[in-house]
């Protein structure tokens, strides 16, 4: 039900992004590299997962009435979109940053559901890999999605995220969570706190950490598949 509603409301935007020639050509180049490394099934699933992630940013940017470039894919790096004007405030920038991982989480959930229905290991590999990459994007530094989201969090809220990261690490033993926790601890002592607390951003960030930490567990053995 929710998937059908999403496709009816956002499906047009997802298809619209594929009409950009630059996006398509960069997707093909990205696909070719990962096809060579992991086979076409995994490569195609990964590139589409990243595409959904980037379209999440674009959807949120448009929701605020701003313009953005089409997604660009860079093999070995990932994908990105460029905001073609400055954001209006810190809260909007935080939401734009977290929109990508939010849509990316949806893509991973869809792949996990496909794995549950078919028990084909490739679906689990795509779901876990996509979730791991989205989790890595939550690293709260520079202009990564997590860095932008952290600009909307007070010191107390950043402490909550640190606690969530450590709890998730205790449950999953995912080393990436330790890296995120170290960066989060550093951001407790920076002076870039917002003027007022933004509880929705806190809840969204915490929910993404928990969801992606669980989704990145690949029960079929290993995140990236062998050919």
C-alpha atoms as a PDB file:
ATOM      1  CA  UNK A   1       0.000   0.000   0.000  1.00  0.00           C
ATOM      2  CA  UNK A   2       2.604   2.625   1.009  1.00  0.00           C
ATOM      3  CA  UNK A   3       4.755   1.587  -1.970  1.00  0.00           C
ATOM      4  CA  UNK A   4       1.869   2.152  -4.384  1.00  0.00           C
ATOM      5  CA  UNK A   5       1.149   5.569  -2.869  1.00  0.00           C
ATOM      6  CA  UNK A   6       4.825   6.498  -3.185  1.00  0.00           C
ATOM      7  CA  UNK A   7       4.983   5.469  -6.838  1.00  0.00           C
ATOM      8  CA  UNK A   8       1.823   7.400  -7.660  1.00  0.00           C
ATOM      9  CA  UNK A   9       3.076  10.572  -5.962  1.00  0.00           C
ATOM     10  CA  UNK A  10       6.848  10.429  -6.623  1.00  0.00           C
ATOM     11  CA  UNK A  11       7.089   8.060  -9.583  1.00  0.00           C
ATOM     12  CA  UNK A  12       6.910  10.910 -12.091  1.00  0.00           C
ATOM     13  CA  UNK A  13       9.877  12.637 -10.437  1.00  0.00           C
ATOM     14  CA  UNK A  14      11.923   9.413 -10.470  1.00  0.00           C
ATOM     15  CA  UNK A  15      11.287   8.929 -14.175  1.00  0.00           C
ATOM     16  CA  UNK A  16      11.939  12.593 -14.932  1.00  0.00           C
ATOM     17  CA  UNK A  17      15.502  12.324 -13.660  1.00  0.00           C
ATOM     18  CA  UNK A  18      16.207   9.569 -16.197  1.00  0.00           C
ATOM     19  CA  UNK A  19      15.415  11.913 -19.090  1.00  0.00           C
ATOM     20  CA  UNK A  20      18.616  13.896 -18.471  1.00  0.00           C
ATOM     21  CA  UNK A  21      21.328  12.761 -20.894  1.00  0.00           C
ATOM     22  CA  UNK A  22      24.204  13.648 -18.538  1.00  0.00           C
ATOM     23  CA  UNK A  23      22.636  11.600 -15.761  1.00  0.00           C
ATOM     24  CA  UNK A  24      22.099   8.614 -18.061  1.00  0.00           C
ATOM     25  CA  UNK A  25      25.636   8.677 -19.455  1.00  0.00           C
ATOM     26  CA  UNK A  26      27.208   8.928 -15.996  1.00  0.00           C
ATOM     27  CA  UNK A  27      24.935   6.092 -14.794  1.00  0.00           C
ATOM     28  CA  UNK A  28      26.102   3.905 -17.681  1.00  0.00           C
ATOM     29  CA  UNK A  29      29.767   4.614 -16.853  1.00  0.00           C
ATOM     30  CA  UNK A  30      29.122   3.822 -13.182  1.00  0.00           C
ATOM     31  CA  UNK A  31      27.245   0.668 -14.146  1.00  0.00           C
ATOM     32  CA  UNK A  32      30.079  -0.514 -16.375  1.00  0.00           C
ATOM     33  CA  UNK A  33      32.695  -0.269 -13.638  1.00  0.00           C
ATOM     34  CA  UNK A  34      30.680  -2.156 -11.026  1.00  0.00           C
ATOM     35  CA  UNK A  35      29.445  -4.656 -13.612  1.00  0.00           C
ATOM     36  CA  UNK A  36      33.079  -5.621 -14.153  1.00  0.00           C
ATOM     37  CA  UNK A  37      33.665  -5.988 -10.409  1.00  0.00           C
ATOM     38  CA  UNK A  38      30.458  -7.613  -9.173  1.00  0.00           C
ATOM     39  CA  UNK A  39      28.294  -8.600 -12.141  1.00  0.00           C
ATOM     40  CA  UNK A  40      25.426  -6.788 -13.829  1.00  0.00           C
ATOM     41  CA  UNK A  41      22.678  -7.636 -11.337  1.00  0.00           C
ATOM     42  CA  UNK A  42      24.430  -6.117  -8.341  1.00  0.00           C
ATOM     43  CA  UNK A  43      25.747  -3.179 -10.389  1.00  0.00           C
ATOM     44  CA  UNK A  44      22.279  -2.326 -11.690  1.00  0.00           C
ATOM     45  CA  UNK A  45      20.723  -2.610  -8.223  1.00  0.00           C
ATOM     46  CA  UNK A  46      23.425  -0.405  -6.707  1.00  0.00           C
ATOM     47  CA  UNK A  47      23.182   2.329  -9.341  1.00  0.00           C
ATOM     48  CA  UNK A  48      19.399   2.457  -9.037  1.00  0.00           C
ATOM     49  CA  UNK A  49      19.626   2.622  -5.237  1.00  0.00           C
ATOM     50  CA  UNK A  50      22.020   5.566  -5.484  1.00  0.00           C
ATOM     51  CA  UNK A  51      19.756   7.200  -8.044  1.00  0.00           C
ATOM     52  CA  UNK A  52      16.798   6.991  -5.647  1.00  0.00           C
ATOM     53  CA  UNK A  53      18.996   8.510  -2.918  1.00  0.00           C
ATOM     54  CA  UNK A  54      19.913  11.498  -5.081  1.00  0.00           C
ATOM     55  CA  UNK A  55      16.334  12.025  -6.245  1.00  0.00           C
ATOM     56  CA  UNK A  56      15.393  12.270  -2.579  1.00  0.00           C
ATOM     57  CA  UNK A  57      17.606  15.336  -2.302  1.00  0.00           C
ATOM     58  CA  UNK A  58      16.075  16.811  -5.446  1.00  0.00           C
ATOM     59  CA  UNK A  59      12.517  16.197  -4.226  1.00  0.00           C
ATOM     60  CA  UNK A  60      13.231  18.019  -0.959  1.00  0.00           C
ATOM     61  CA  UNK A  61      15.022  20.869  -2.724  1.00  0.00           C
ATOM     62  CA  UNK A  62      12.016  21.330  -4.995  1.00  0.00           C
ATOM     63  CA  UNK A  63       9.688  21.203  -2.004  1.00  0.00           C
ATOM     64  CA  UNK A  64      11.427  24.337  -0.741  1.00  0.00           C
ATOM     65  CA  UNK A  65      11.053  26.008  -4.147  1.00  0.00           C
ATOM     66  CA  UNK A  66      14.721  25.831  -5.079  1.00  0.00           C
ATOM     67  CA  UNK A  67      16.569  24.453  -8.096  1.00  0.00           C
ATOM     68  CA  UNK A  68      19.133  21.650  -8.295  1.00  0.00           C
ATOM     69  CA  UNK A  69      21.252  19.981 -10.952  1.00  0.00           C
ATOM     70  CA  UNK A  70      20.466  16.517 -12.282  1.00  0.00           C
ATOM     71  CA  UNK A  71      22.240  13.617 -10.490  1.00  0.00           C
ATOM     72  CA  UNK A  72      25.808  12.859 -11.543  1.00  0.00           C
ATOM     73  CA  UNK A  73      27.488   9.485 -10.965  1.00  0.00           C
ATOM     74  CA  UNK A  74      31.217   9.066 -10.373  1.00  0.00           C
ATOM     75  CA  UNK A  75      32.603   5.492 -10.243  1.00  0.00           C
ATOM     76  CA  UNK A  76      34.399   4.844  -6.973  1.00  0.00           C
ATOM     77  CA  UNK A  77      32.826   7.900  -5.381  1.00  0.00           C
ATOM     78  CA  UNK A  78      29.056   7.601  -5.699  1.00  0.00           C
ATOM     79  CA  UNK A  79      26.672  10.267  -6.935  1.00  0.00           C
ATOM     80  CA  UNK A  80      25.790  13.862  -6.163  1.00  0.00           C
ATOM     81  CA  UNK A  81      23.498  16.762  -7.017  1.00  0.00           C
ATOM     82  CA  UNK A  82      24.401  20.426  -6.880  1.00  0.00           C
ATOM     83  CA  UNK A  83      22.152  22.996  -5.246  1.00  0.00           C
ATOM     84  CA  UNK A  84      21.892  25.848  -7.740  1.00  0.00           C
ATOM     85  CA  UNK A  85      21.174  28.468  -5.082  1.00  0.00           C
ATOM     86  CA  UNK A  86      21.930  28.841  -1.413  1.00  0.00           C
ATOM     87  CA  UNK A  87      19.575  27.283   1.117  1.00  0.00           C
ATOM     88  CA  UNK A  88      17.270  29.577   3.021  1.00  0.00           C
ATOM     89  CA  UNK A  89      18.125  28.468   6.561  1.00  0.00           C
ATOM     90  CA  UNK A  90      19.841  25.764   8.612  1.00  0.00           C
ATOM     91  CA  UNK A  91      16.646  23.755   9.186  1.00  0.00           C
ATOM     92  CA  UNK A  92      15.947  23.494   5.454  1.00  0.00           C
ATOM     93  CA  UNK A  93      19.541  22.497   4.712  1.00  0.00           C
ATOM     94  CA  UNK A  94      19.339  19.757   7.358  1.00  0.00           C
ATOM     95  CA  UNK A  95      16.161  18.365   5.818  1.00  0.00           C
ATOM     96  CA  UNK A  96      17.623  18.471   2.314  1.00  0.00           C
ATOM     97  CA  UNK A  97      20.696  16.604   3.555  1.00  0.00           C
ATOM     98  CA  UNK A  98      18.690  13.866   5.281  1.00  0.00           C
ATOM     99  CA  UNK A  99      16.218  13.434   2.416  1.00  0.00           C
ATOM    100  CA  UNK A 100      18.754  11.419   0.408  1.00  0.00           C
ATOM    101  CA  UNK A 101      19.366   8.766   3.099  1.00  0.00           C
ATOM    102  CA  UNK A 102      15.613   8.711   3.788  1.00  0.00           C
ATOM    103  CA  UNK A 103      14.790   7.799   0.187  1.00  0.00           C
ATOM    104  CA  UNK A 104      17.814   5.496   0.090  1.00  0.00           C
ATOM    105  CA  UNK A 105      16.445   3.668   3.113  1.00  0.00           C
ATOM    106  CA  UNK A 106      13.205   3.171   1.212  1.00  0.00           C
ATOM    107  CA  UNK A 107      15.153   1.603  -1.673  1.00  0.00           C
ATOM    108  CA  UNK A 108      16.917  -0.775   0.719  1.00  0.00           C
ATOM    109  CA  UNK A 109      13.629  -1.741   2.353  1.00  0.00           C
ATOM    110  CA  UNK A 110      12.182  -2.541  -1.086  1.00  0.00           C
ATOM    111  CA  UNK A 111      15.171  -4.798  -1.816  1.00  0.00           C
ATOM    112  CA  UNK A 112      14.826  -6.567   1.533  1.00  0.00           C
ATOM    113  CA  UNK A 113      11.154  -7.211   0.805  1.00  0.00           C
ATOM    114  CA  UNK A 114      12.167  -8.662  -2.558  1.00  0.00           C
ATOM    115  CA  UNK A 115      14.661 -10.912  -0.750  1.00  0.00           C
ATOM    116  CA  UNK A 116      12.016 -12.071   1.699  1.00  0.00           C
ATOM    117  CA  UNK A 117       9.694 -12.893  -1.194  1.00  0.00           C
ATOM    118  CA  UNK A 118      12.262 -14.651  -3.410  1.00  0.00           C
ATOM    119  CA  UNK A 119      15.154 -15.632  -1.103  1.00  0.00           C
ATOM    120  CA  UNK A 120      17.500 -14.613  -3.913  1.00  0.00           C
ATOM    121  CA  UNK A 121      20.816 -13.573  -2.259  1.00  0.00           C
ATOM    122  CA  UNK A 122      21.393 -10.755  -4.757  1.00  0.00           C
ATOM    123  CA  UNK A 123      18.451  -8.792  -3.291  1.00  0.00           C
ATOM    124  CA  UNK A 124      19.933  -9.045   0.211  1.00  0.00           C
ATOM    125  CA  UNK A 125      23.321  -7.949  -1.101  1.00  0.00           C
ATOM    126  CA  UNK A 126      21.853  -4.882  -2.825  1.00  0.00           C
ATOM    127  CA  UNK A 127      19.776  -3.995   0.238  1.00  0.00           C
ATOM    128  CA  UNK A 128      22.692  -4.298   2.658  1.00  0.00           C
ATOM    129  CA  UNK A 129      25.154  -2.487   0.386  1.00  0.00           C
ATOM    130  CA  UNK A 130      22.748   0.369  -0.262  1.00  0.00           C
ATOM    131  CA  UNK A 131      22.033   0.679   3.448  1.00  0.00           C
ATOM    132  CA  UNK A 132      25.760   0.676   4.271  1.00  0.00           C
ATOM    133  CA  UNK A 133      26.428   3.455   1.746  1.00  0.00           C
ATOM    134  CA  UNK A 134      23.532   5.530   3.067  1.00  0.00           C
ATOM    135  CA  UNK A 135      24.802   5.008   6.609  1.00  0.00           C
ATOM    136  CA  UNK A 136      28.264   6.161   5.531  1.00  0.00           C
ATOM    137  CA  UNK A 137      26.647   9.314   4.137  1.00  0.00           C
ATOM    138  CA  UNK A 138      25.422  10.115   7.661  1.00  0.00           C
ATOM    139  CA  UNK A 139      29.007  10.772   8.747  1.00  0.00           C
ATOM    140  CA  UNK A 140      28.604  14.217  10.390  1.00  0.00           C
ATOM    141  CA  UNK A 141      31.468  16.011   8.654  1.00  0.00           C
ATOM    142  CA  UNK A 142      31.970  18.442   5.758  1.00  0.00           C
ATOM    143  CA  UNK A 143      29.116  18.549   3.258  1.00  0.00           C
ATOM    144  CA  UNK A 144      28.104  14.916   3.621  1.00  0.00           C
ATOM    145  CA  UNK A 145      24.427  14.343   4.329  1.00  0.00           C
ATOM    146  CA  UNK A 146      25.134  13.719   7.995  1.00  0.00           C
ATOM    147  CA  UNK A 147      27.179  16.909   8.263  1.00  0.00           C
ATOM    148  CA  UNK A 148      24.290  18.930   6.899  1.00  0.00           C
ATOM    149  CA  UNK A 149      21.831  17.179   9.175  1.00  0.00           C
ATOM    150  CA  UNK A 150      24.036  17.826  12.212  1.00  0.00           C
ATOM    151  CA  UNK A 151      23.895  21.566  11.620  1.00  0.00           C
ATOM    152  CA  UNK A 152      20.264  21.401  12.733  1.00  0.00           C
ATOM    153  CA  UNK A 153      21.066  19.643  16.032  1.00  0.00           C
ATOM    154  CA  UNK A 154      21.889  21.205  19.390  1.00  0.00           C
ATOM    155  CA  UNK A 155      24.675  19.824  21.601  1.00  0.00           C
ATOM    156  CA  UNK A 156      22.136  17.842  23.621  1.00  0.00           C
ATOM    157  CA  UNK A 157      20.578  16.356  20.493  1.00  0.00           C
ATOM    158  CA  UNK A 158      24.007  15.437  19.156  1.00  0.00           C
ATOM    159  CA  UNK A 159      24.596  13.611  22.420  1.00  0.00           C
ATOM    160  CA  UNK A 160      21.389  11.647  21.796  1.00  0.00           C
ATOM    161  CA  UNK A 161      22.624  10.644  18.340  1.00  0.00           C
ATOM    162  CA  UNK A 162      25.944   9.553  19.850  1.00  0.00           C
ATOM    163  CA  UNK A 163      24.077   7.318  22.301  1.00  0.00           C
ATOM    164  CA  UNK A 164      21.979   5.857  19.465  1.00  0.00           C
ATOM    165  CA  UNK A 165      25.117   5.114  17.447  1.00  0.00           C
ATOM    166  CA  UNK A 166      26.764   3.317  20.347  1.00  0.00           C
ATOM    167  CA  UNK A 167      23.633   1.287  21.119  1.00  0.00           C
ATOM    168  CA  UNK A 168      23.340   0.262  17.476  1.00  0.00           C
ATOM    169  CA  UNK A 169      27.009  -0.736  17.465  1.00  0.00           C
ATOM    170  CA  UNK A 170      26.484  -2.925  20.543  1.00  0.00           C
ATOM    171  CA  UNK A 171      23.698  -4.728  18.719  1.00  0.00           C
ATOM    172  CA  UNK A 172      25.185  -5.006  15.211  1.00  0.00           C
ATOM    173  CA  UNK A 173      28.966  -4.723  15.762  1.00  0.00           C
ATOM    174  CA  UNK A 174      29.112  -2.672  12.585  1.00  0.00           C
ATOM    175  CA  UNK A 175      32.483  -0.909  12.601  1.00  0.00           C
ATOM    176  CA  UNK A 176      31.119   1.954  10.520  1.00  0.00           C
ATOM    177  CA  UNK A 177      29.016   2.985  13.511  1.00  0.00           C
ATOM    178  CA  UNK A 178      32.185   3.455  15.565  1.00  0.00           C
ATOM    179  CA  UNK A 179      33.536   5.832  12.912  1.00  0.00           C
ATOM    180  CA  UNK A 180      30.271   7.771  12.968  1.00  0.00           C
ATOM    181  CA  UNK A 181      30.326   7.863  16.771  1.00  0.00           C
ATOM    182  CA  UNK A 182      33.875   9.282  16.830  1.00  0.00           C
ATOM    183  CA  UNK A 183      32.891  12.024  14.373  1.00  0.00           C
ATOM    184  CA  UNK A 184      29.741  12.680  16.400  1.00  0.00           C
ATOM    185  CA  UNK A 185      31.810  13.017  19.582  1.00  0.00           C
ATOM    186  CA  UNK A 186      33.987  15.596  17.842  1.00  0.00           C
ATOM    187  CA  UNK A 187      30.910  17.570  16.757  1.00  0.00           C
ATOM    188  CA  UNK A 188      29.821  17.839  20.399  1.00  0.00           C
ATOM    189  CA  UNK A 189      32.584  20.388  20.906  1.00  0.00           C
ATOM    190  CA  UNK A 190      32.248  22.464  17.763  1.00  0.00           C
ATOM    191  CA  UNK A 191      30.402  25.770  17.929  1.00  0.00           C
ATOM    192  CA  UNK A 192      28.043  25.425  14.980  1.00  0.00           C
ATOM    193  CA  UNK A 193      24.870  24.786  16.978  1.00  0.00           C
ATOM    194  CA  UNK A 194      21.510  26.139  15.731  1.00  0.00           C
ATOM    195  CA  UNK A 195      19.687  28.878  17.585  1.00  0.00           C
ATOM    196  CA  UNK A 196      16.834  26.563  18.571  1.00  0.00           C
ATOM    197  CA  UNK A 197      16.253  22.831  18.819  1.00  0.00           C
ATOM    198  CA  UNK A 198      14.765  21.001  15.835  1.00  0.00           C
ATOM    199  CA  UNK A 199      13.126  17.849  17.196  1.00  0.00           C
ATOM    200  CA  UNK A 200      11.939  16.512  13.784  1.00  0.00           C
ATOM    201  CA  UNK A 201      15.539  16.540  12.509  1.00  0.00           C
ATOM    202  CA  UNK A 202      16.663  14.701  15.647  1.00  0.00           C
ATOM    203  CA  UNK A 203      13.991  12.025  15.222  1.00  0.00           C
ATOM    204  CA  UNK A 204      14.724  11.625  11.517  1.00  0.00           C
ATOM    205  CA  UNK A 205      18.474  11.319  12.088  1.00  0.00           C
ATOM    206  CA  UNK A 206      18.051   8.787  14.893  1.00  0.00           C
ATOM    207  CA  UNK A 207      15.511   6.799  12.881  1.00  0.00           C
ATOM    208  CA  UNK A 208      17.854   6.665   9.896  1.00  0.00           C
ATOM    209  CA  UNK A 209      20.760   5.436  12.031  1.00  0.00           C
ATOM    210  CA  UNK A 210      18.677   2.643  13.543  1.00  0.00           C
ATOM    211  CA  UNK A 211      17.033   1.604  10.268  1.00  0.00           C
ATOM    212  CA  UNK A 212      20.216   1.639   8.203  1.00  0.00           C
ATOM    213  CA  UNK A 213      22.248  -0.159  10.876  1.00  0.00           C
ATOM    214  CA  UNK A 214      19.721  -2.999  10.814  1.00  0.00           C
ATOM    215  CA  UNK A 215      19.354  -3.035   7.036  1.00  0.00           C
ATOM    216  CA  UNK A 216      23.113  -3.161   6.505  1.00  0.00           C
ATOM    217  CA  UNK A 217      23.221  -6.597   8.154  1.00  0.00           C
ATOM    218  CA  UNK A 218      23.443  -9.094   5.280  1.00  0.00           C
ATOM    219  CA  UNK A 219      22.236 -12.478   6.516  1.00  0.00           C
ATOM    220  CA  UNK A 220      23.444 -14.188   3.334  1.00  0.00           C
ATOM    221  CA  UNK A 221      27.088 -13.473   4.174  1.00  0.00           C
ATOM    222  CA  UNK A 222      29.013 -10.331   3.274  1.00  0.00           C
ATOM    223  CA  UNK A 223      27.803  -7.012   1.949  1.00  0.00           C
ATOM    224  CA  UNK A 224      29.374  -6.973  -1.510  1.00  0.00           C
ATOM    225  CA  UNK A 225      28.755 -10.158  -3.529  1.00  0.00           C
ATOM    226  CA  UNK A 226      31.337 -12.159  -5.386  1.00  0.00           C
ATOM    227  CA  UNK A 227      30.749 -12.793  -9.065  1.00  0.00           C
END
